[in-house]
N, C-alpha and C. Protein backbone atom coordinates (compact mmCIF):
# COMPACT_ATOMS: atom_id res chain seq x y z
N UNK A 1 74.80 79.24 -42.19
CA UNK A 1 73.65 78.28 -42.16
C UNK A 1 73.74 76.74 -42.36
N UNK A 2 73.48 76.56 -41.14
CA UNK A 2 73.84 74.79 -40.55
C UNK A 2 73.69 73.98 -42.00
N UNK A 3 74.83 73.09 -42.61
CA UNK A 3 74.05 72.29 -43.20
C UNK A 3 73.95 70.78 -43.67
N UNK A 4 72.92 70.34 -43.36
CA UNK A 4 72.63 69.05 -43.69
C UNK A 4 72.55 68.06 -44.49
N UNK A 5 73.11 66.88 -44.26
CA UNK A 5 73.27 65.70 -45.28
C UNK A 5 72.42 64.78 -44.70
N UNK A 6 71.76 63.82 -46.32
CA UNK A 6 70.46 62.67 -45.86
C UNK A 6 71.07 61.99 -47.25
N UNK A 7 71.57 61.16 -46.29
CA UNK A 7 72.49 60.19 -47.04
C UNK A 7 71.50 58.81 -47.26
N UNK A 8 71.52 58.04 -48.45
CA UNK A 8 70.00 57.17 -48.62
C UNK A 8 70.89 55.81 -49.08
N UNK A 9 70.32 54.09 -49.06
CA UNK A 9 70.75 53.73 -49.47
C UNK A 9 69.32 53.09 -50.26
N UNK A 10 69.41 52.44 -51.20
CA UNK A 10 67.84 51.89 -51.99
C UNK A 10 68.01 51.00 -53.32
N UNK A 11 66.92 50.01 -52.95
CA UNK A 11 66.95 48.84 -54.11
C UNK A 11 66.31 48.85 -54.73
N UNK A 12 65.02 49.06 -54.55
CA UNK A 12 64.25 49.10 -55.62
C UNK A 12 63.12 50.50 -55.47
N UNK A 13 63.96 51.70 -54.78
CA UNK A 13 62.79 53.18 -54.87
C UNK A 13 62.34 53.22 -53.58
N UNK A 14 62.24 52.75 -53.03
CA UNK A 14 60.81 53.17 -52.13
C UNK A 14 61.87 54.19 -50.68
N UNK A 15 63.32 53.67 -50.90
CA UNK A 15 63.81 54.93 -49.77
C UNK A 15 64.27 55.74 -50.08
N UNK A 16 64.41 55.76 -51.10
CA UNK A 16 64.59 56.59 -51.96
C UNK A 16 63.47 57.91 -52.03
N UNK A 17 62.23 57.44 -52.28
CA UNK A 17 61.37 58.04 -52.66
C UNK A 17 61.28 58.58 -51.26
N UNK A 18 61.48 58.15 -50.01
CA UNK A 18 61.10 58.22 -48.42
C UNK A 18 62.12 59.45 -48.50
N UNK A 19 63.01 59.01 -48.85
CA UNK A 19 64.17 60.57 -48.12
C UNK A 19 64.48 61.64 -49.03
N UNK A 20 63.79 61.28 -50.10
CA UNK A 20 63.44 63.14 -50.75
C UNK A 20 61.71 64.26 -50.15
N UNK A 21 61.04 62.36 -49.41
CA UNK A 21 59.90 63.68 -49.01
C UNK A 21 60.71 63.84 -47.06
N UNK A 22 61.76 63.33 -46.68
CA UNK A 22 61.90 63.36 -45.69
C UNK A 22 62.88 64.97 -45.51
N UNK A 23 63.67 64.75 -47.01
CA UNK A 23 64.43 65.82 -47.50
C UNK A 23 63.60 67.51 -47.26
N UNK A 24 62.21 66.96 -48.39
CA UNK A 24 61.46 68.00 -48.83
C UNK A 24 60.80 68.78 -47.38
N UNK A 25 60.28 68.35 -46.85
CA UNK A 25 60.13 68.73 -45.35
C UNK A 25 61.04 68.95 -44.10
N UNK A 26 61.84 68.44 -44.73
CA UNK A 26 63.32 69.44 -43.69
C UNK A 26 63.36 70.59 -44.25
N UNK A 27 62.91 70.96 -45.82
CA UNK A 27 63.59 72.16 -46.17
C UNK A 27 62.80 73.35 -45.35
N UNK A 28 60.99 72.72 -45.19
CA UNK A 28 59.79 73.46 -45.25
C UNK A 28 59.82 73.95 -43.88
N UNK A 29 60.38 73.25 -42.94
CA UNK A 29 61.05 73.68 -41.64
C UNK A 29 62.07 74.14 -41.60
N UNK A 30 62.93 74.68 -42.73
CA UNK A 30 64.20 76.04 -42.21
C UNK A 30 64.97 75.25 -42.47
N UNK A 31 65.05 74.23 -43.06
CA UNK A 31 66.86 73.74 -42.87
C UNK A 31 67.28 73.56 -43.97
N UNK A 32 68.52 73.25 -43.79
CA UNK A 32 69.30 72.94 -45.36
C UNK A 32 69.75 72.26 -45.42
N UNK A 33 69.52 71.24 -46.50
CA UNK A 33 69.33 69.60 -46.69
C UNK A 33 69.61 69.50 -47.60
N UNK A 34 71.09 68.53 -48.21
CA UNK A 34 71.58 68.03 -49.59
C UNK A 34 70.89 66.50 -49.36
N UNK A 35 70.05 66.12 -50.21
CA UNK A 35 70.15 64.61 -50.13
C UNK A 35 70.56 63.98 -51.18
N UNK A 36 71.61 62.80 -50.88
CA UNK A 36 71.91 62.12 -51.66
C UNK A 36 72.09 60.47 -51.48
N UNK A 37 71.82 59.86 -52.81
CA UNK A 37 72.14 58.25 -52.72
C UNK A 37 73.69 58.19 -52.21
N UNK A 38 73.56 57.10 -51.51
CA UNK A 38 74.67 56.44 -51.08
C UNK A 38 76.05 56.23 -52.09
N UNK A 39 74.88 55.88 -53.60
CA UNK A 39 75.77 55.45 -54.69
C UNK A 39 76.83 56.66 -55.11
N UNK A 40 76.02 58.03 -55.49
CA UNK A 40 76.41 58.81 -55.31
C UNK A 40 76.99 59.73 -54.82
N UNK A 41 77.19 59.84 -53.42
CA UNK A 41 77.47 61.04 -52.76
C UNK A 41 78.52 60.73 -52.17
N UNK A 42 78.77 59.85 -51.97
CA UNK A 42 80.89 59.15 -51.34
C UNK A 42 81.76 59.58 -52.58
N UNK A 43 81.71 59.81 -53.29
CA UNK A 43 82.47 59.84 -54.27
C UNK A 43 82.96 61.22 -54.23
N UNK A 44 82.23 62.15 -53.86
CA UNK A 44 82.25 62.99 -54.38
C UNK A 44 82.51 64.17 -53.08
N UNK A 45 82.25 64.26 -51.95
CA UNK A 45 81.69 65.00 -51.12
C UNK A 45 82.93 64.64 -49.75
N UNK A 46 83.19 65.76 -49.08
CA UNK A 46 83.70 66.22 -48.07
C UNK A 46 82.63 65.92 -46.35
N UNK A 47 82.48 64.79 -45.33
CA UNK A 47 81.59 64.98 -44.70
C UNK A 47 81.65 66.42 -43.76
N UNK A 48 83.42 67.07 -43.60
CA UNK A 48 82.91 67.82 -43.08
C UNK A 48 82.53 69.06 -43.12
N UNK A 49 82.21 69.17 -44.84
CA UNK A 49 81.26 70.25 -44.71
C UNK A 49 79.96 70.31 -44.02
N UNK A 50 79.86 69.45 -43.29
CA UNK A 50 77.90 69.32 -42.90
C UNK A 50 78.00 69.22 -41.43
N UNK A 51 77.20 69.36 -40.66
CA UNK A 51 76.69 69.55 -39.93
C UNK A 51 76.02 68.36 -39.00
N UNK A 52 75.49 67.46 -39.57
CA UNK A 52 74.90 66.48 -39.29
C UNK A 52 74.32 65.80 -40.46
N UNK A 53 73.79 65.02 -39.92
CA UNK A 53 73.78 63.88 -40.99
C UNK A 53 72.73 62.65 -40.60
N UNK A 54 71.76 62.25 -41.32
CA UNK A 54 70.36 61.55 -41.56
C UNK A 54 70.87 60.20 -42.47
N UNK A 55 70.89 58.91 -42.18
CA UNK A 55 71.11 57.81 -42.72
C UNK A 55 70.23 57.01 -42.98
N UNK A 56 69.59 56.65 -44.36
CA UNK A 56 68.47 55.66 -44.37
C UNK A 56 68.77 54.53 -45.34
N UNK A 57 68.07 53.43 -44.90
CA UNK A 57 68.56 52.10 -45.24
C UNK A 57 67.26 51.06 -45.36
N UNK A 58 67.08 50.51 -46.77
CA UNK A 58 65.81 49.17 -46.38
C UNK A 58 66.91 48.05 -45.89
N UNK A 59 65.59 47.19 -45.69
CA UNK A 59 65.89 46.03 -45.40
C UNK A 59 66.09 44.50 -46.92
N UNK A 60 66.66 44.17 -47.07
CA UNK A 60 66.77 43.16 -47.68
C UNK A 60 67.08 42.00 -47.31
N UNK A 61 66.53 40.93 -47.41
CA UNK A 61 66.26 39.14 -46.77
C UNK A 61 67.00 39.54 -45.60
N UNK A 62 66.02 40.31 -44.64
CA UNK A 62 66.57 40.69 -42.90
C UNK A 62 67.59 41.24 -42.85
N UNK A 63 68.49 41.96 -43.56
CA UNK A 63 69.84 42.99 -43.10
C UNK A 63 69.74 44.03 -43.88
N UNK A 64 70.05 44.95 -43.13
CA UNK A 64 70.38 46.56 -44.19
C UNK A 64 71.56 46.25 -44.70
N UNK A 65 71.42 47.25 -45.75
CA UNK A 65 72.44 46.58 -46.91
C UNK A 65 73.64 46.96 -46.64
N UNK A 66 74.60 46.08 -46.80
CA UNK A 66 76.25 46.26 -46.16
C UNK A 66 76.59 47.63 -46.64
N UNK A 67 76.29 48.24 -47.76
CA UNK A 67 76.88 49.64 -47.98
C UNK A 67 77.04 50.65 -46.95
N UNK A 68 75.70 50.26 -46.38
CA UNK A 68 75.05 51.39 -45.09
C UNK A 68 75.93 51.01 -43.96
N UNK A 69 76.41 49.87 -43.65
CA UNK A 69 77.57 49.33 -42.77
C UNK A 69 78.72 49.44 -42.70
N UNK A 70 78.68 49.09 -44.17
CA UNK A 70 80.27 49.53 -44.74
C UNK A 70 80.81 51.44 -44.64
N UNK A 71 79.40 52.01 -45.09
CA UNK A 71 79.65 53.36 -44.60
C UNK A 71 79.74 54.21 -43.15
N UNK A 72 78.77 53.29 -42.32
CA UNK A 72 79.09 53.58 -40.74
C UNK A 72 79.97 53.38 -39.99
N UNK A 73 80.76 52.04 -40.62
CA UNK A 73 82.46 51.63 -39.62
C UNK A 73 83.30 52.45 -40.17
N UNK A 74 83.17 53.47 -41.73
CA UNK A 74 84.56 53.99 -41.94
C UNK A 74 84.47 55.24 -40.82
N UNK A 75 83.09 55.21 -40.91
CA UNK A 75 82.58 56.99 -40.70
C UNK A 75 81.94 57.61 -39.58
N UNK A 76 82.43 56.24 -38.00
CA UNK A 76 81.99 56.47 -36.99
C UNK A 76 82.35 57.37 -35.78
N UNK A 77 83.94 57.86 -36.32
CA UNK A 77 83.69 58.91 -35.31
C UNK A 77 83.24 60.59 -35.59
N UNK A 78 82.91 60.78 -37.33
CA UNK A 78 82.34 61.74 -37.37
C UNK A 78 80.74 61.38 -36.91
N UNK A 79 79.82 60.45 -37.29
CA UNK A 79 78.78 59.99 -37.18
C UNK A 79 78.39 60.18 -35.31
N UNK A 80 79.51 59.78 -34.74
CA UNK A 80 79.47 59.83 -32.98
C UNK A 80 79.42 61.45 -32.23
N UNK A 81 80.05 62.56 -33.74
CA UNK A 81 80.60 64.17 -32.85
C UNK A 81 79.51 64.62 -33.57
N UNK A 82 78.47 64.47 -34.07
CA UNK A 82 77.71 64.91 -35.02
C UNK A 82 76.25 64.91 -34.50
N UNK A 83 75.01 65.52 -34.38
CA UNK A 83 73.67 65.24 -34.96
C UNK A 83 73.61 64.24 -35.75
N UNK A 84 72.88 63.32 -35.92
CA UNK A 84 72.89 62.19 -36.69
C UNK A 84 71.69 61.86 -36.31
N UNK A 85 71.28 61.01 -36.86
CA UNK A 85 70.08 59.58 -36.89
C UNK A 85 70.39 58.79 -37.97
N UNK A 86 69.16 57.72 -37.86
CA UNK A 86 69.07 56.55 -38.63
C UNK A 86 67.41 56.60 -38.96
N UNK A 87 67.08 55.73 -39.94
CA UNK A 87 65.72 55.31 -40.47
C UNK A 87 65.76 54.08 -41.27
N UNK A 88 64.84 53.22 -40.82
CA UNK A 88 65.11 51.56 -41.64
C UNK A 88 63.39 52.03 -42.34
N UNK A 89 64.09 51.07 -43.33
CA UNK A 89 62.85 51.13 -43.95
C UNK A 89 62.18 49.47 -44.61
N UNK A 90 61.29 49.00 -43.76
CA UNK A 90 61.22 47.32 -43.87
C UNK A 90 59.80 47.26 -44.03
N UNK A 91 59.94 46.01 -44.57
CA UNK A 91 57.89 45.74 -44.33
C UNK A 91 57.21 44.89 -43.67
N UNK A 92 58.12 44.68 -42.02
CA UNK A 92 57.86 44.00 -40.89
C UNK A 92 56.65 45.61 -40.65
N UNK A 93 57.82 46.73 -40.62
CA UNK A 93 56.83 47.79 -39.76
C UNK A 93 55.53 48.35 -40.35
N UNK A 94 54.99 47.63 -41.87
CA UNK A 94 53.61 47.90 -42.15
C UNK A 94 52.43 47.09 -41.10
N UNK A 95 53.03 46.52 -39.80
CA UNK A 95 52.19 46.04 -38.77
C UNK A 95 52.42 47.13 -37.68
N UNK A 96 51.46 47.44 -36.82
CA UNK A 96 51.69 48.88 -36.65
C UNK A 96 52.12 48.54 -34.87
N UNK A 97 52.51 47.12 -34.42
CA UNK A 97 53.04 46.55 -33.00
C UNK A 97 54.56 46.38 -33.78
N UNK A 98 55.05 46.95 -34.69
CA UNK A 98 56.38 46.79 -35.56
C UNK A 98 56.42 48.17 -35.92
N UNK A 99 56.17 48.88 -35.80
CA UNK A 99 56.62 50.67 -36.45
C UNK A 99 57.32 51.40 -35.51
N UNK A 100 57.64 51.11 -34.31
CA UNK A 100 58.37 51.92 -33.85
C UNK A 100 59.70 51.54 -33.67
N UNK A 101 60.72 52.77 -33.56
CA UNK A 101 62.37 52.04 -33.07
C UNK A 101 62.10 50.74 -31.70
N UNK A 102 61.60 51.11 -30.97
CA UNK A 102 61.89 50.12 -30.29
C UNK A 102 61.59 49.02 -30.09
N UNK A 103 60.28 48.71 -30.77
CA UNK A 103 59.75 47.90 -31.42
C UNK A 103 59.93 46.94 -32.49
N UNK A 104 60.71 47.76 -33.16
CA UNK A 104 61.31 46.94 -34.72
C UNK A 104 62.43 46.36 -34.48
N UNK A 105 62.35 44.71 -34.48
CA UNK A 105 63.81 43.84 -34.59
C UNK A 105 64.72 44.05 -35.60
N UNK A 106 64.46 44.56 -36.74
CA UNK A 106 65.12 44.75 -37.56
C UNK A 106 66.30 45.92 -37.10
N UNK A 107 65.75 46.90 -36.87
CA UNK A 107 66.60 47.86 -36.55
C UNK A 107 66.96 48.10 -34.80
N UNK A 108 66.36 47.56 -33.91
CA UNK A 108 67.12 46.89 -32.80
C UNK A 108 68.53 46.07 -32.73
N UNK A 109 68.52 45.16 -33.83
CA UNK A 109 69.46 44.43 -34.56
C UNK A 109 70.78 45.02 -34.74
N UNK A 110 70.62 46.26 -35.46
CA UNK A 110 71.48 46.59 -36.52
C UNK A 110 71.71 47.58 -35.45
N UNK A 111 71.57 48.28 -34.64
CA UNK A 111 71.37 49.08 -33.85
C UNK A 111 72.91 48.39 -32.32
N UNK A 112 72.30 46.66 -32.63
CA UNK A 112 73.16 46.05 -31.75
C UNK A 112 74.43 45.77 -32.27
N UNK A 113 75.07 46.15 -33.70
CA UNK A 113 75.74 45.55 -34.24
C UNK A 113 77.22 47.13 -34.76
N UNK A 114 76.72 48.03 -34.38
CA UNK A 114 77.60 48.58 -34.56
C UNK A 114 77.93 49.63 -33.17
N UNK A 115 78.56 50.35 -33.71
CA UNK A 115 79.04 51.66 -32.44
C UNK A 115 78.70 52.35 -31.92
N UNK A 116 78.19 53.47 -33.48
CA UNK A 116 77.21 54.45 -33.82
C UNK A 116 76.19 54.64 -32.70
N UNK A 117 75.83 55.27 -32.02
CA UNK A 117 74.83 56.14 -31.35
C UNK A 117 73.69 57.43 -31.92
N UNK A 118 73.13 57.13 -32.95
CA UNK A 118 72.83 57.56 -33.54
C UNK A 118 71.82 58.62 -32.36
N UNK A 119 71.83 60.24 -32.38
CA UNK A 119 70.45 60.90 -31.70
C UNK A 119 69.34 60.20 -31.80
N UNK A 120 68.89 60.03 -32.92
CA UNK A 120 67.48 60.06 -33.67
C UNK A 120 66.84 58.68 -34.40
N UNK A 121 66.41 57.82 -34.02
CA UNK A 121 66.21 56.68 -35.22
C UNK A 121 64.51 56.76 -35.41
N UNK A 122 64.43 56.03 -36.56
CA UNK A 122 62.69 56.00 -36.95
C UNK A 122 62.83 54.48 -37.72
N UNK A 123 61.29 54.61 -38.15
CA UNK A 123 61.30 52.58 -38.49
C UNK A 123 59.78 53.42 -39.63
N UNK A 124 60.28 52.97 -40.92
CA UNK A 124 58.90 53.68 -41.80
C UNK A 124 58.77 52.48 -43.01
N UNK A 125 57.49 52.06 -43.08
CA UNK A 125 57.12 50.76 -43.95
C UNK A 125 56.93 50.84 -45.51
N UNK A 126 58.05 50.11 -45.73
CA UNK A 126 58.29 50.34 -47.02
C UNK A 126 56.95 50.24 -48.37
N UNK A 127 57.16 49.35 -49.75
CA UNK A 127 56.54 49.13 -51.35
C UNK A 127 56.84 47.66 -50.90
N UNK A 128 55.99 46.83 -51.34
CA UNK A 128 56.13 45.33 -51.96
C UNK A 128 55.26 45.46 -53.41
N UNK A 129 57.15 45.45 -54.31
CA UNK A 129 57.06 45.85 -55.47
C UNK A 129 56.61 44.46 -56.58
N UNK A 130 56.28 43.68 -56.44
CA UNK A 130 56.25 42.24 -57.22
C UNK A 130 56.86 42.59 -58.79
N UNK A 131 56.12 43.93 -58.81
CA UNK A 131 56.42 44.11 -60.19
C UNK A 131 57.81 44.09 -60.64
N UNK A 132 58.75 44.90 -59.71
CA UNK A 132 60.06 45.08 -60.11
C UNK A 132 60.92 44.01 -60.12
N UNK A 133 60.42 42.87 -59.18
CA UNK A 133 61.40 42.23 -58.70
C UNK A 133 61.99 41.57 -59.53
N UNK A 134 63.37 40.49 -59.99
CA UNK A 134 63.64 39.60 -60.54
C UNK A 134 62.63 38.53 -60.34
N UNK A 135 62.90 36.98 -61.03
CA UNK A 135 61.71 36.31 -60.41
C UNK A 135 62.28 35.38 -59.96
N UNK A 136 63.51 35.25 -59.12
CA UNK A 136 64.22 35.10 -57.72
C UNK A 136 63.95 35.00 -56.44
N UNK A 137 63.75 37.20 -56.43
CA UNK A 137 62.95 38.01 -55.69
C UNK A 137 62.05 37.90 -55.56
N UNK A 138 61.05 37.85 -56.46
CA UNK A 138 59.74 37.88 -56.41
C UNK A 138 59.21 36.42 -55.52
N UNK A 139 59.71 35.97 -56.16
CA UNK A 139 59.79 34.15 -55.64
C UNK A 139 59.51 33.93 -53.91
N UNK A 140 60.78 34.51 -53.39
CA UNK A 140 61.88 34.63 -51.97
C UNK A 140 60.56 35.92 -51.18
N UNK A 141 60.68 36.90 -51.44
CA UNK A 141 59.60 37.55 -50.79
C UNK A 141 58.16 37.02 -50.93
N UNK A 142 57.80 36.51 -51.88
CA UNK A 142 56.35 36.09 -51.78
C UNK A 142 56.27 35.00 -50.32
N UNK A 143 57.54 33.88 -50.60
CA UNK A 143 57.13 32.89 -49.29
C UNK A 143 57.24 33.97 -47.92
N UNK A 144 58.37 35.01 -48.00
CA UNK A 144 58.66 35.78 -46.51
C UNK A 144 57.24 36.18 -46.09
N UNK A 145 56.44 36.98 -46.98
CA UNK A 145 55.09 37.65 -46.71
C UNK A 145 53.81 36.22 -46.34
N UNK A 146 54.30 34.98 -47.21
CA UNK A 146 53.19 34.07 -47.32
C UNK A 146 53.95 33.81 -45.29
N UNK A 147 54.65 33.94 -44.72
CA UNK A 147 55.50 33.54 -43.46
C UNK A 147 54.52 34.33 -42.87
N UNK A 148 55.50 35.88 -42.90
CA UNK A 148 54.33 36.81 -41.96
C UNK A 148 53.04 37.15 -42.10
N UNK A 149 52.23 36.90 -43.17
CA UNK A 149 51.44 37.11 -43.00
C UNK A 149 50.76 38.54 -43.88
N UNK A 150 51.04 38.32 -44.80
CA UNK A 150 51.31 39.35 -45.57
C UNK A 150 50.79 39.53 -47.02
N UNK A 151 50.53 40.24 -47.66
CA UNK A 151 49.68 39.85 -49.54
C UNK A 151 50.92 38.94 -50.34
N UNK A 152 50.69 38.21 -50.67
CA UNK A 152 51.33 37.15 -51.96
C UNK A 152 50.61 37.18 -53.09
N UNK A 153 50.10 38.14 -53.25
CA UNK A 153 49.95 38.34 -55.19
C UNK A 153 50.40 39.30 -55.62
N UNK A 154 51.38 38.20 -56.65
CA UNK A 154 52.34 39.05 -57.15
C UNK A 154 51.42 39.44 -58.57
N UNK A 155 50.53 39.83 -58.74
CA UNK A 155 49.79 40.59 -59.50
C UNK A 155 49.84 42.51 -59.03
N UNK A 156 49.56 42.35 -58.25
CA UNK A 156 49.79 43.44 -57.57
C UNK A 156 50.60 44.37 -56.67
N UNK A 157 51.24 45.56 -57.21
CA UNK A 157 51.77 46.12 -55.89
C UNK A 157 51.29 46.64 -54.78
N UNK A 158 51.97 46.98 -53.97
CA UNK A 158 51.52 47.24 -52.45
C UNK A 158 52.05 48.59 -51.51
N UNK A 159 51.98 49.95 -51.32
CA UNK A 159 52.57 50.51 -51.10
C UNK A 159 52.38 50.83 -49.38
N UNK A 160 53.26 50.37 -48.36
CA UNK A 160 52.77 50.57 -47.23
C UNK A 160 53.14 51.59 -46.43
N UNK A 161 53.90 52.04 -47.06
CA UNK A 161 54.35 53.57 -46.69
C UNK A 161 53.62 54.57 -46.03
N UNK A 162 53.26 54.94 -44.71
CA UNK A 162 52.49 55.88 -44.24
C UNK A 162 53.05 57.28 -44.12
N UNK A 163 52.97 57.90 -45.17
CA UNK A 163 53.37 59.24 -45.68
C UNK A 163 53.10 60.23 -44.93
N UNK A 164 51.86 60.31 -43.65
CA UNK A 164 52.15 61.23 -42.66
C UNK A 164 53.65 61.13 -41.13
N UNK A 165 53.37 59.32 -41.27
CA UNK A 165 54.21 59.11 -40.32
C UNK A 165 55.40 59.91 -40.83
N UNK A 166 56.00 59.55 -42.28
CA UNK A 166 56.74 60.45 -42.98
C UNK A 166 57.17 61.56 -42.26
N UNK A 167 56.29 62.58 -42.65
CA UNK A 167 56.80 63.89 -42.96
C UNK A 167 56.56 64.26 -41.06
N UNK A 168 56.34 63.16 -40.08
CA UNK A 168 56.33 63.60 -38.90
C UNK A 168 57.38 63.43 -38.54
N UNK A 169 58.15 61.92 -38.82
CA UNK A 169 59.53 62.12 -38.34
C UNK A 169 60.15 63.16 -38.52
N UNK A 170 60.41 63.75 -40.06
CA UNK A 170 61.25 64.71 -40.30
C UNK A 170 60.96 66.16 -40.13
N UNK A 171 59.48 66.55 -39.50
CA UNK A 171 59.66 67.35 -38.47
C UNK A 171 60.07 67.71 -36.68
N UNK A 172 60.32 65.70 -36.52
CA UNK A 172 60.68 65.44 -35.06
C UNK A 172 61.95 65.90 -35.13
N UNK A 173 62.90 65.46 -36.37
CA UNK A 173 64.29 65.55 -36.60
C UNK A 173 64.55 66.81 -36.56
N UNK A 174 64.17 67.90 -37.37
CA UNK A 174 64.21 69.20 -37.72
C UNK A 174 64.18 69.45 -36.23
N UNK A 175 63.01 69.36 -35.24
CA UNK A 175 63.55 69.83 -33.89
C UNK A 175 64.88 69.21 -33.04
N UNK A 176 65.14 68.00 -33.53
CA UNK A 176 66.11 67.31 -33.02
C UNK A 176 67.39 68.27 -32.85
N UNK A 177 67.86 68.76 -34.50
CA UNK A 177 68.87 69.54 -34.70
C UNK A 177 68.84 70.78 -34.47
N UNK A 178 67.71 71.70 -34.22
CA UNK A 178 67.48 72.84 -33.34
C UNK A 178 67.66 72.52 -32.13
N UNK A 179 67.69 71.54 -31.56
CA UNK A 179 68.27 71.47 -30.34
C UNK A 179 69.09 71.04 -29.69
N UNK A 180 70.31 70.49 -30.53
CA UNK A 180 71.44 69.85 -30.55
C UNK A 180 72.74 70.87 -30.24
N UNK A 181 73.30 70.47 -29.64
CA UNK A 181 74.77 71.58 -29.39
C UNK A 181 75.91 70.59 -29.99
N UNK A 182 76.84 70.85 -30.44
CA UNK A 182 78.62 69.51 -29.98
C UNK A 182 79.24 70.68 -29.27
N UNK A 183 79.75 69.68 -28.22
CA UNK A 183 80.69 70.03 -27.22
C UNK A 183 81.90 70.14 -27.17
N UNK A 184 82.98 70.79 -26.85
CA UNK A 184 84.35 70.79 -27.05
C UNK A 184 85.24 69.65 -27.47
N UNK A 185 84.23 68.70 -26.36
CA UNK A 185 85.01 67.07 -26.39
C UNK A 185 84.39 66.26 -27.77
N UNK A 186 83.42 66.85 -28.73
CA UNK A 186 82.98 66.18 -29.52
C UNK A 186 82.23 65.35 -28.90
N UNK A 187 81.41 65.96 -27.97
CA UNK A 187 79.97 65.24 -27.87
C UNK A 187 79.05 65.86 -28.37
N UNK A 188 77.66 65.23 -28.62
CA UNK A 188 77.00 65.91 -29.24
C UNK A 188 75.61 65.76 -27.67
N UNK A 189 74.83 66.81 -27.54
CA UNK A 189 74.07 67.02 -26.52
C UNK A 189 72.49 67.64 -27.13
N UNK A 190 72.07 67.88 -26.50
CA UNK A 190 70.43 68.10 -26.75
C UNK A 190 69.63 68.53 -25.76
N UNK A 191 68.78 69.96 -25.90
CA UNK A 191 68.23 70.41 -24.72
C UNK A 191 67.43 69.89 -23.97
N UNK A 192 66.74 68.86 -25.21
CA UNK A 192 65.69 67.89 -24.47
C UNK A 192 65.26 66.69 -25.00
N UNK A 193 65.09 65.58 -24.89
CA UNK A 193 64.67 64.78 -25.62
C UNK A 193 63.61 64.83 -26.84
N UNK A 194 63.87 64.10 -28.13
CA UNK A 194 62.99 64.34 -28.77
C UNK A 194 62.54 62.61 -29.52
N UNK A 195 61.20 62.26 -29.00
CA UNK A 195 60.57 60.52 -29.34
C UNK A 195 60.52 61.00 -30.93
N UNK A 196 61.00 60.08 -31.93
CA UNK A 196 60.27 59.27 -32.88
C UNK A 196 59.07 58.99 -33.08
């Protein structure tokens, strides 16, 4: 049976929460999946034991986390020769016009910086956790939210994540995995396109 890896990086816990919901949904779809944080995962596993990889990263101050870039650069060959996907967690995705891969500027900018071509991408809205932020982060994020028309009330946390959309992404990723084959030249092919 195929073994799939879901690898994520998280700062305040929302990407971790999303990753575990995706893993749970993938298991319900019949997939065998291991869900690991980038911090715990890379120390003790060999990528060759996995048939596919899905990577998730939040945005912090306008950028995906550096450890995600480092991992991708280090493992580009593996990533390009296996079924793979990427999902971005960011507050911009709280806006309906920014919650799709093709309309989310953070994801588009990320894809332009790497040579890995994930077979499937997704964008999920994160959460605004003022109560967990250090003073500097709270002030900076409040300023960013003010500029972008978001909530600036630091007395409450807001979860923007659409859990139905997260589960739908997982189901589509499961379908993508079922339709993928790896040819002898190392290229990944799928029988039909999957829209996230």
